[in-house]
C-alpha cells in the first residue's frame, strides 16, 4: 500500500522554507546594502557620472547639512581676528552671504565627487599623489547609516549620512573635515 503524504504538512514545510529564505534575503540586504550603496556612489564619483550622482544624492539636504558647518568655521576664523573691531559684525554678515553662494556653487555632482573620492572639500593639487580614503560603515537603525572616510594623516574624518529610500539609499548629509 502506498503511503499518502499529508497536504497540511507539505504546506507547513513549504511555508517554513519560504520564511527562512525570506529571512536570509532580508538579513543579507540589511548587511550588504549600505556597502553596495557606498560602492555605487564611489564608482559614480570616480567616473564623474553626474546623472547617477544626481540620483544618489539629495543635494538640497546636503547643502543644508554643510551650511552650518561652513558658517561655524567662518565665525571661528573671524573671532580669532581681534583687530576687526566694530567691523566684525559686518565681516560676519558678508562672510555668511558669501559662504551661502559658495555652498550653492560647490555642492554639485562634481564637488561631491571630490569629497567622496578624496575625503576632502577641494581636489588635490595637480601633480600630488591622491591619498587613499578608507571607508567604514555604521548603521544608525534600519533606515539610516553613515560612512566614515578616514585619510591617513588626517585626524578629522569625512562622514557621509545616508537614508533609506525603498530598497536603496540616498546621501542626505555630509560632515566635512573642517
N, C-alpha and C. Protein backbone atom coordinates (compact mmCIF):
# COMPACT_ATOMS: atom_id res chain seq x y z
N UNK A 1 0.83 -1.17 0.00
CA UNK A 1 0.00 0.00 0.00
C UNK A 1 0.88 1.25 0.00
N UNK A 2 0.55 2.13 -0.85
CA UNK A 2 1.34 3.37 -0.96
C UNK A 2 0.96 4.31 0.17
N UNK A 3 1.98 4.92 0.68
CA UNK A 3 1.76 5.85 1.78
C UNK A 3 1.45 7.24 1.22
N UNK A 4 0.41 7.84 1.72
CA UNK A 4 -0.01 9.15 1.24
C UNK A 4 0.51 10.25 2.16
N UNK A 5 1.04 11.31 1.56
CA UNK A 5 1.57 12.43 2.36
C UNK A 5 0.44 13.36 2.75
N UNK A 6 0.61 13.91 3.90
CA UNK A 6 -0.38 14.85 4.41
C UNK A 6 -0.17 16.20 3.75
N UNK A 7 -1.17 16.76 3.04
CA UNK A 7 -1.00 18.06 2.37
C UNK A 7 -0.76 19.20 3.36
N UNK A 8 -1.29 19.12 4.55
CA UNK A 8 -1.07 20.18 5.55
C UNK A 8 0.39 20.22 5.97
N UNK A 9 1.01 19.06 6.12
CA UNK A 9 2.43 19.02 6.49
C UNK A 9 3.29 19.57 5.35
N UNK A 10 2.92 19.23 4.13
CA UNK A 10 3.64 19.75 2.98
C UNK A 10 3.57 21.27 2.92
N UNK A 11 2.38 21.80 3.11
CA UNK A 11 2.18 23.24 3.10
C UNK A 11 2.98 23.91 4.20
N UNK A 12 2.95 23.33 5.39
CA UNK A 12 3.70 23.89 6.53
C UNK A 12 5.20 23.87 6.25
N UNK A 13 5.70 22.78 5.68
CA UNK A 13 7.12 22.68 5.35
C UNK A 13 7.50 23.73 4.31
N UNK A 14 6.67 23.91 3.31
CA UNK A 14 6.91 24.92 2.28
C UNK A 14 6.88 26.32 2.87
N UNK A 15 5.94 26.61 3.74
CA UNK A 15 5.84 27.93 4.38
C UNK A 15 7.08 28.22 5.23
N UNK A 16 7.54 27.23 5.98
CA UNK A 16 8.73 27.41 6.81
C UNK A 16 9.96 27.65 5.93
N UNK A 17 10.06 26.90 4.86
CA UNK A 17 11.18 27.06 3.94
C UNK A 17 11.17 28.45 3.29
N UNK A 18 10.02 28.89 2.85
CA UNK A 18 9.91 30.24 2.28
C UNK A 18 10.23 31.32 3.30
N UNK A 19 9.79 31.15 4.54
CA UNK A 19 10.09 32.11 5.60
C UNK A 19 11.60 32.17 5.86
N UNK A 20 12.27 31.02 5.84
CA UNK A 20 13.72 31.01 6.05
C UNK A 20 14.45 31.70 4.89
N UNK A 21 14.01 31.45 3.68
CA UNK A 21 14.63 32.10 2.52
C UNK A 21 14.40 33.61 2.59
N UNK A 22 13.19 34.04 2.94
CA UNK A 22 12.91 35.47 3.06
C UNK A 22 13.76 36.10 4.15
N UNK A 23 13.89 35.44 5.29
CA UNK A 23 14.71 35.97 6.38
C UNK A 23 16.18 36.08 5.96
N UNK A 24 16.65 35.09 5.21
CA UNK A 24 18.02 35.12 4.72
C UNK A 24 18.23 36.28 3.75
N UNK A 25 17.27 36.50 2.85
CA UNK A 25 17.38 37.61 1.90
C UNK A 25 17.34 38.97 2.61
N UNK A 26 16.45 39.13 3.56
CA UNK A 26 16.36 40.40 4.30
C UNK A 26 17.64 40.63 5.11
N UNK A 27 18.15 39.60 5.74
CA UNK A 27 19.40 39.73 6.50
C UNK A 27 20.57 40.09 5.62
N UNK A 28 20.63 39.48 4.45
CA UNK A 28 21.70 39.79 3.51
C UNK A 28 21.59 41.24 3.04
N UNK A 29 20.37 41.66 2.71
CA UNK A 29 20.16 43.05 2.29
C UNK A 29 20.56 44.01 3.41
N UNK A 30 20.17 43.71 4.65
CA UNK A 30 20.46 44.58 5.78
C UNK A 30 21.96 44.78 5.95
N UNK A 31 22.72 43.72 5.79
CA UNK A 31 24.17 43.80 5.97
C UNK A 31 24.87 44.38 4.74
N UNK A 32 24.47 43.96 3.56
CA UNK A 32 25.22 44.30 2.35
C UNK A 32 24.80 45.62 1.70
N UNK A 33 23.55 46.03 1.85
CA UNK A 33 23.09 47.18 1.07
C UNK A 33 23.82 48.49 1.38
N UNK A 34 24.21 48.80 2.61
CA UNK A 34 24.98 50.03 2.81
C UNK A 34 26.32 50.01 2.06
N UNK A 35 26.99 48.87 2.08
CA UNK A 35 28.26 48.76 1.37
C UNK A 35 28.04 48.87 -0.13
N UNK A 36 26.98 48.27 -0.63
CA UNK A 36 26.69 48.37 -2.06
C UNK A 36 26.36 49.81 -2.44
N UNK A 37 25.62 50.51 -1.59
CA UNK A 37 25.28 51.92 -1.87
C UNK A 37 26.54 52.79 -1.87
N UNK A 38 27.41 52.57 -0.90
CA UNK A 38 28.65 53.34 -0.84
C UNK A 38 29.54 53.04 -2.05
N UNK A 39 29.64 51.80 -2.42
CA UNK A 39 30.44 51.41 -3.58
C UNK A 39 29.87 52.02 -4.86
N UNK A 40 28.56 51.99 -5.01
CA UNK A 40 27.92 52.58 -6.20
C UNK A 40 28.16 54.09 -6.25
N UNK A 41 28.05 54.76 -5.09
CA UNK A 41 28.30 56.19 -5.04
C UNK A 41 29.75 56.50 -5.37
N UNK A 42 30.66 55.72 -4.81
CA UNK A 42 32.09 55.93 -5.07
C UNK A 42 32.42 55.69 -6.54
N UNK A 43 31.83 54.65 -7.14
CA UNK A 43 32.07 54.38 -8.56
C UNK A 43 31.53 55.51 -9.43
N UNK A 44 30.33 56.00 -9.11
CA UNK A 44 29.76 57.12 -9.87
C UNK A 44 30.62 58.37 -9.70
N UNK A 45 31.17 58.58 -8.50
CA UNK A 45 32.03 59.74 -8.26
C UNK A 45 33.35 59.60 -9.02
N UNK A 46 33.91 58.42 -9.02
CA UNK A 46 35.17 58.19 -9.73
C UNK A 46 34.99 58.40 -11.23
N UNK A 47 33.86 57.91 -11.76
CA UNK A 47 33.57 58.05 -13.20
C UNK A 47 32.98 59.41 -13.54
N UNK A 48 32.71 60.22 -12.52
CA UNK A 48 32.06 61.52 -12.68
C UNK A 48 30.76 61.38 -13.48
N UNK A 49 29.99 60.36 -13.11
CA UNK A 49 28.69 60.09 -13.73
C UNK A 49 27.66 60.99 -13.05
N UNK A 50 27.47 62.18 -13.59
CA UNK A 50 26.61 63.18 -12.94
C UNK A 50 25.16 62.72 -12.85
N UNK A 51 24.67 61.99 -13.84
CA UNK A 51 23.28 61.51 -13.77
C UNK A 51 23.11 60.54 -12.61
N UNK A 52 24.06 59.65 -12.43
CA UNK A 52 23.99 58.69 -11.32
C UNK A 52 24.16 59.40 -9.98
N UNK A 53 25.08 60.36 -9.91
CA UNK A 53 25.26 61.12 -8.67
C UNK A 53 24.01 61.89 -8.30
N UNK A 54 23.34 62.47 -9.29
CA UNK A 54 22.10 63.20 -9.01
C UNK A 54 21.00 62.29 -8.49
N UNK A 55 21.01 61.02 -8.89
CA UNK A 55 20.02 60.07 -8.38
C UNK A 55 20.35 59.64 -6.95
N UNK A 56 21.63 59.55 -6.63
CA UNK A 56 22.05 59.00 -5.34
C UNK A 56 22.24 60.05 -4.25
N UNK A 57 22.15 61.35 -4.61
CA UNK A 57 22.41 62.42 -3.65
C UNK A 57 21.23 63.37 -3.60
N UNK A 58 20.79 63.69 -2.38
CA UNK A 58 19.76 64.70 -2.17
C UNK A 58 20.49 66.03 -1.96
N UNK A 59 20.71 66.77 -3.05
CA UNK A 59 21.54 67.98 -2.99
C UNK A 59 21.00 69.05 -2.05
N UNK A 60 19.69 69.35 -2.03
CA UNK A 60 19.21 70.35 -1.06
C UNK A 60 19.50 69.96 0.39
N UNK A 61 19.35 68.68 0.73
CA UNK A 61 19.64 68.23 2.10
C UNK A 61 21.13 68.31 2.41
N UNK A 62 21.95 67.95 1.44
CA UNK A 62 23.40 68.02 1.66
C UNK A 62 23.83 69.47 1.84
N UNK A 63 23.29 70.38 1.02
CA UNK A 63 23.62 71.81 1.19
C UNK A 63 23.20 72.29 2.58
N UNK A 64 22.01 71.88 3.01
CA UNK A 64 21.53 72.29 4.34
C UNK A 64 22.42 71.73 5.44
N UNK A 65 23.01 70.57 5.25
CA UNK A 65 23.89 69.99 6.28
C UNK A 65 25.25 70.67 6.30
N UNK A 66 25.70 71.14 5.15
CA UNK A 66 27.03 71.76 5.06
C UNK A 66 27.00 73.23 5.50
N UNK A 67 25.89 73.91 5.25
CA UNK A 67 25.79 75.35 5.54
C UNK A 67 26.20 75.71 6.99
N UNK A 68 25.65 75.08 8.03
CA UNK A 68 26.08 75.48 9.39
C UNK A 68 27.54 75.15 9.68
N UNK A 69 28.08 74.12 9.04
CA UNK A 69 29.49 73.79 9.25
C UNK A 69 30.40 74.88 8.71
N UNK A 70 30.07 75.36 7.51
CA UNK A 70 30.88 76.43 6.90
C UNK A 70 30.73 77.72 7.69
N UNK A 71 29.49 78.04 8.07
CA UNK A 71 29.27 79.27 8.86
C UNK A 71 30.02 79.22 10.18
N UNK A 72 30.02 78.07 10.83
CA UNK A 72 30.73 77.93 12.10
C UNK A 72 32.23 78.12 11.90
N UNK A 73 32.76 77.56 10.83
CA UNK A 73 34.18 77.69 10.54
C UNK A 73 34.55 79.14 10.26
N UNK A 74 33.71 79.83 9.49
CA UNK A 74 33.96 81.24 9.18
C UNK A 74 33.89 82.07 10.46
N UNK A 75 32.90 81.80 11.31
CA UNK A 75 32.76 82.56 12.56
C UNK A 75 33.97 82.34 13.46
N UNK A 76 34.47 81.11 13.55
CA UNK A 76 35.66 80.84 14.37
C UNK A 76 36.87 81.59 13.82
N UNK A 77 36.99 81.64 12.50
CA UNK A 77 38.11 82.35 11.89
C UNK A 77 38.01 83.84 12.17
N UNK A 78 36.80 84.41 12.04
CA UNK A 78 36.63 85.84 12.30
C UNK A 78 36.82 86.17 13.78
N UNK A 79 36.42 85.26 14.66
CA UNK A 79 36.60 85.50 16.09
C UNK A 79 38.09 85.60 16.46
N UNK A 80 38.92 84.92 15.73
CA UNK A 80 40.36 84.98 16.00
C UNK A 80 40.99 86.28 15.52
N UNK A 81 40.27 87.01 14.70
CA UNK A 81 40.77 88.27 14.17
C UNK A 81 40.37 89.41 15.11
N UNK A 82 41.15 89.62 16.14
CA UNK A 82 40.83 90.62 17.16
C UNK A 82 40.86 92.05 16.61
N UNK A 83 41.59 92.27 15.54
CA UNK A 83 41.76 93.63 15.04
C UNK A 83 40.60 94.12 14.16
N UNK A 84 39.55 93.34 14.01
CA UNK A 84 38.41 93.78 13.20
C UNK A 84 37.58 94.85 13.90
N UNK A 85 37.59 94.82 15.21
CA UNK A 85 36.86 95.83 15.99
C UNK A 85 35.39 95.90 15.62
N UNK A 86 34.89 97.12 15.35
CA UNK A 86 33.46 97.28 15.07
C UNK A 86 33.03 96.69 13.74
N UNK A 87 33.97 96.30 12.92
CA UNK A 87 33.62 95.74 11.61
C UNK A 87 33.41 94.22 11.66
N UNK A 88 33.51 93.64 12.84
CA UNK A 88 33.35 92.19 12.98
C UNK A 88 31.98 91.74 12.49
N UNK A 89 30.91 92.43 12.92
CA UNK A 89 29.55 92.03 12.52
C UNK A 89 29.36 92.16 11.01
N UNK A 90 29.92 93.24 10.45
CA UNK A 90 29.83 93.41 9.00
C UNK A 90 30.58 92.28 8.29
N UNK A 91 31.74 91.95 8.80
CA UNK A 91 32.51 90.84 8.22
C UNK A 91 31.76 89.52 8.32
N UNK A 92 31.10 89.29 9.45
CA UNK A 92 30.34 88.05 9.59
C UNK A 92 29.16 88.01 8.62
N UNK A 93 28.47 89.14 8.45
CA UNK A 93 27.34 89.18 7.52
C UNK A 93 27.80 88.94 6.09
N UNK A 94 28.90 89.58 5.71
CA UNK A 94 29.43 89.38 4.36
C UNK A 94 29.91 87.94 4.17
N UNK A 95 30.57 87.41 5.18
CA UNK A 95 31.07 86.04 5.09
C UNK A 95 29.91 85.05 4.99
N UNK A 96 28.83 85.29 5.74
CA UNK A 96 27.65 84.42 5.69
C UNK A 96 27.04 84.42 4.29
N UNK A 97 26.89 85.61 3.71
CA UNK A 97 26.32 85.72 2.36
C UNK A 97 27.25 85.06 1.33
N UNK A 98 28.53 85.27 1.46
CA UNK A 98 29.47 84.67 0.52
C UNK A 98 29.52 83.15 0.68
N UNK A 99 29.45 82.67 1.92
CA UNK A 99 29.51 81.22 2.14
C UNK A 99 28.28 80.54 1.55
N UNK A 100 27.11 81.20 1.63
CA UNK A 100 25.91 80.61 1.02
C UNK A 100 26.08 80.45 -0.48
N UNK A 101 26.66 81.45 -1.12
CA UNK A 101 26.88 81.36 -2.57
C UNK A 101 27.92 80.29 -2.91
N UNK A 102 28.95 80.20 -2.08
CA UNK A 102 29.98 79.18 -2.31
C UNK A 102 29.38 77.79 -2.16
N UNK A 103 28.54 77.59 -1.15
CA UNK A 103 27.92 76.29 -0.94
C UNK A 103 27.03 75.92 -2.12
N UNK A 104 26.24 76.88 -2.58
CA UNK A 104 25.36 76.62 -3.73
C UNK A 104 26.16 76.22 -4.97
N UNK A 105 27.29 76.85 -5.17
CA UNK A 105 28.07 76.54 -6.37
C UNK A 105 29.00 75.34 -6.18
N UNK A 106 29.33 75.01 -4.94
CA UNK A 106 30.26 73.90 -4.70
C UNK A 106 29.57 72.57 -4.49
N UNK A 107 28.36 72.57 -3.96
CA UNK A 107 27.65 71.31 -3.71
C UNK A 107 26.94 70.93 -5.00
N UNK A 108 27.74 70.36 -5.88
CA UNK A 108 27.32 69.92 -7.21
C UNK A 108 27.77 68.47 -7.36
N UNK A 109 27.36 67.81 -8.42
CA UNK A 109 27.88 66.45 -8.62
C UNK A 109 29.41 66.40 -8.63
N UNK A 110 30.03 67.38 -9.26
CA UNK A 110 31.49 67.39 -9.32
C UNK A 110 32.11 67.63 -7.94
N UNK A 111 31.53 68.57 -7.19
CA UNK A 111 32.05 68.86 -5.85
C UNK A 111 31.91 67.69 -4.90
N UNK A 112 30.76 67.02 -4.94
CA UNK A 112 30.58 65.86 -4.08
C UNK A 112 31.39 64.66 -4.56
N UNK A 113 31.64 64.57 -5.84
CA UNK A 113 32.53 63.51 -6.35
C UNK A 113 33.91 63.68 -5.74
N UNK A 114 34.38 64.91 -5.62
CA UNK A 114 35.68 65.16 -4.99
C UNK A 114 35.67 64.73 -3.53
N UNK A 115 34.60 65.07 -2.81
CA UNK A 115 34.51 64.69 -1.39
C UNK A 115 34.51 63.17 -1.25
N UNK A 116 33.74 62.48 -2.09
CA UNK A 116 33.62 61.02 -1.98
C UNK A 116 34.92 60.31 -2.36
N UNK A 117 35.62 60.82 -3.36
CA UNK A 117 36.83 60.13 -3.83
C UNK A 117 38.09 60.50 -3.06
N UNK A 118 38.12 61.71 -2.48
CA UNK A 118 39.35 62.14 -1.78
C UNK A 118 39.15 62.37 -0.29
N UNK A 119 37.89 62.50 0.14
CA UNK A 119 37.63 62.82 1.54
C UNK A 119 37.89 64.27 1.86
N UNK A 120 38.16 65.08 0.84
CA UNK A 120 38.48 66.49 1.04
C UNK A 120 37.48 67.36 0.29
N UNK A 121 37.39 68.60 0.70
CA UNK A 121 36.46 69.52 0.06
C UNK A 121 37.00 69.97 -1.29
N UNK A 122 38.30 70.16 -1.40
CA UNK A 122 38.91 70.61 -2.65
C UNK A 122 39.72 69.47 -3.25
N UNK A 123 39.84 69.49 -4.55
CA UNK A 123 40.62 68.48 -5.25
C UNK A 123 42.09 68.63 -4.86
N UNK A 124 42.82 67.51 -4.85
CA UNK A 124 44.25 67.59 -4.54
C UNK A 124 44.99 68.44 -5.56
N UNK A 125 46.10 68.98 -5.15
CA UNK A 125 46.92 69.82 -6.01
C UNK A 125 47.41 68.98 -7.19
N UNK A 126 47.41 69.58 -8.35
CA UNK A 126 47.85 68.86 -9.56
C UNK A 126 49.28 68.38 -9.36
N UNK A 127 49.50 67.12 -9.69
CA UNK A 127 50.83 66.55 -9.55
C UNK A 127 51.04 65.83 -8.23
N UNK A 128 50.18 66.09 -7.23
CA UNK A 128 50.33 65.38 -5.97
C UNK A 128 49.61 64.05 -6.06
N UNK A 129 50.13 63.08 -5.37
CA UNK A 129 49.53 61.75 -5.39
C UNK A 129 48.24 61.77 -4.55
N UNK A 130 47.14 61.24 -5.10
CA UNK A 130 45.91 61.21 -4.31
C UNK A 130 46.07 60.26 -3.13
N UNK A 131 45.53 60.68 -2.00
CA UNK A 131 45.61 59.84 -0.82
C UNK A 131 44.44 58.87 -0.80
N UNK A 132 44.71 57.66 -0.36
CA UNK A 132 43.65 56.66 -0.28
C UNK A 132 42.74 57.00 0.89
N UNK A 133 41.45 56.82 0.67
CA UNK A 133 40.48 57.06 1.72
C UNK A 133 39.92 55.70 2.14
N UNK A 134 39.93 55.46 3.43
CA UNK A 134 39.48 54.19 3.97
C UNK A 134 38.07 54.38 4.54
N UNK A 135 37.07 53.73 3.95
CA UNK A 135 35.68 53.91 4.37
C UNK A 135 35.26 52.80 5.31
N UNK A 136 34.49 53.16 6.33
CA UNK A 136 33.83 52.19 7.20
C UNK A 136 32.35 52.57 7.26
N UNK A 137 31.51 51.59 7.53
CA UNK A 137 30.06 51.81 7.54
C UNK A 137 29.51 51.45 8.91
N UNK A 138 28.67 52.33 9.45
CA UNK A 138 27.99 52.10 10.73
C UNK A 138 26.51 52.37 10.53
N UNK A 139 25.70 51.44 10.97
CA UNK A 139 24.25 51.61 10.87
C UNK A 139 23.75 52.50 11.99
N UNK A 140 22.74 53.32 11.65
CA UNK A 140 22.03 54.14 12.64
C UNK A 140 20.57 53.71 12.62
N UNK A 141 20.33 52.42 12.83
CA UNK A 141 18.97 51.88 12.77
C UNK A 141 18.71 51.24 11.42
N UNK A 142 17.44 51.00 11.14
CA UNK A 142 17.06 50.31 9.92
C UNK A 142 17.09 51.22 8.71
N UNK A 143 16.80 52.52 8.92
CA UNK A 143 16.63 53.46 7.80
C UNK A 143 17.81 54.38 7.56
N UNK A 144 18.87 54.28 8.33
CA UNK A 144 20.00 55.20 8.19
C UNK A 144 21.32 54.47 8.40
N UNK A 145 22.34 54.98 7.71
CA UNK A 145 23.70 54.55 8.02
C UNK A 145 24.64 55.71 7.70
N UNK A 146 25.83 55.62 8.25
CA UNK A 146 26.83 56.64 7.95
C UNK A 146 28.11 55.93 7.52
N UNK A 147 28.75 56.54 6.54
CA UNK A 147 30.03 56.05 6.04
C UNK A 147 31.10 57.04 6.49
N UNK A 148 32.08 56.54 7.19
CA UNK A 148 33.16 57.38 7.71
C UNK A 148 34.40 57.15 6.87
N UNK A 149 34.88 58.22 6.26
CA UNK A 149 36.07 58.14 5.41
C UNK A 149 37.27 58.74 6.12
N UNK A 150 38.29 57.92 6.32
CA UNK A 150 39.49 58.37 7.02
C UNK A 150 40.66 58.38 6.04
N UNK A 151 41.34 59.50 5.99
CA UNK A 151 42.54 59.64 5.17
C UNK A 151 43.73 59.59 6.11
N UNK A 152 44.75 58.83 5.74
CA UNK A 152 45.94 58.71 6.57
C UNK A 152 46.54 60.09 6.84
N UNK A 153 46.86 60.34 8.10
CA UNK A 153 47.49 61.60 8.47
C UNK A 153 46.50 62.71 8.81
N UNK A 154 45.23 62.48 8.62
CA UNK A 154 44.22 63.49 8.94
C UNK A 154 43.43 63.01 10.15
N UNK A 155 43.27 63.88 11.14
CA UNK A 155 42.56 63.49 12.35
C UNK A 155 41.05 63.46 12.16
N UNK A 156 40.52 64.42 11.43
CA UNK A 156 39.07 64.54 11.29
C UNK A 156 38.60 63.81 10.03
N UNK A 157 37.68 62.85 10.18
CA UNK A 157 37.19 62.12 9.01
C UNK A 157 36.09 62.88 8.28
N UNK A 158 35.80 62.43 7.08
CA UNK A 158 34.63 62.87 6.34
C UNK A 158 33.54 61.85 6.63
N UNK A 159 32.34 62.33 6.95
CA UNK A 159 31.25 61.40 7.26
C UNK A 159 30.09 61.68 6.31
N UNK A 160 29.65 60.63 5.63
CA UNK A 160 28.51 60.70 4.73
C UNK A 160 27.32 60.04 5.41
N UNK A 161 26.18 60.72 5.44
CA UNK A 161 24.96 60.19 6.07
C UNK A 161 23.97 59.79 4.98
N UNK A 162 23.48 58.57 5.06
CA UNK A 162 22.54 58.04 4.07
C UNK A 162 21.21 57.72 4.73
N UNK A 163 20.14 57.86 3.96
CA UNK A 163 18.79 57.49 4.38
C UNK A 163 18.24 56.50 3.37
N UNK A 164 17.50 55.53 3.88
CA UNK A 164 16.91 54.50 3.02
C UNK A 164 15.75 55.09 2.24
N UNK A 165 15.69 54.77 0.96
CA UNK A 165 14.56 55.12 0.10
C UNK A 165 14.14 53.84 -0.62
N UNK A 166 13.03 53.26 -0.20
CA UNK A 166 12.63 51.96 -0.74
C UNK A 166 13.66 50.92 -0.34
N UNK A 167 14.23 50.25 -1.34
CA UNK A 167 15.29 49.27 -1.06
C UNK A 167 16.67 49.86 -1.31
N UNK A 168 16.74 51.15 -1.66
CA UNK A 168 18.01 51.80 -1.94
C UNK A 168 18.35 52.84 -0.88
N UNK A 169 19.45 53.53 -1.11
CA UNK A 169 19.96 54.52 -0.16
C UNK A 169 20.27 55.82 -0.90
N UNK A 170 20.15 56.93 -0.18
CA UNK A 170 20.43 58.24 -0.75
C UNK A 170 21.27 59.06 0.23
N UNK A 171 22.29 59.71 -0.28
CA UNK A 171 23.14 60.58 0.55
C UNK A 171 22.35 61.83 0.90
N UNK A 172 22.23 62.14 2.21
CA UNK A 172 21.42 63.27 2.63
C UNK A 172 22.20 64.31 3.44
N UNK A 173 23.39 63.96 3.91
CA UNK A 173 24.17 64.92 4.71
C UNK A 173 25.66 64.54 4.64
N UNK A 174 26.49 65.55 4.84
CA UNK A 174 27.94 65.35 4.84
C UNK A 174 28.52 66.14 6.01
N UNK A 175 29.36 65.47 6.82
CA UNK A 175 30.13 66.15 7.84
C UNK A 175 31.54 66.33 7.28
N UNK A 176 31.90 67.59 7.06
CA UNK A 176 33.18 67.90 6.43
C UNK A 176 34.32 67.88 7.44
N UNK A 177 35.52 67.55 6.99
CA UNK A 177 36.69 67.57 7.88
C UNK A 177 37.26 68.97 8.00
N UNK A 178 36.51 69.87 8.65
CA UNK A 178 36.95 71.27 8.77
C UNK A 178 37.73 71.50 10.05
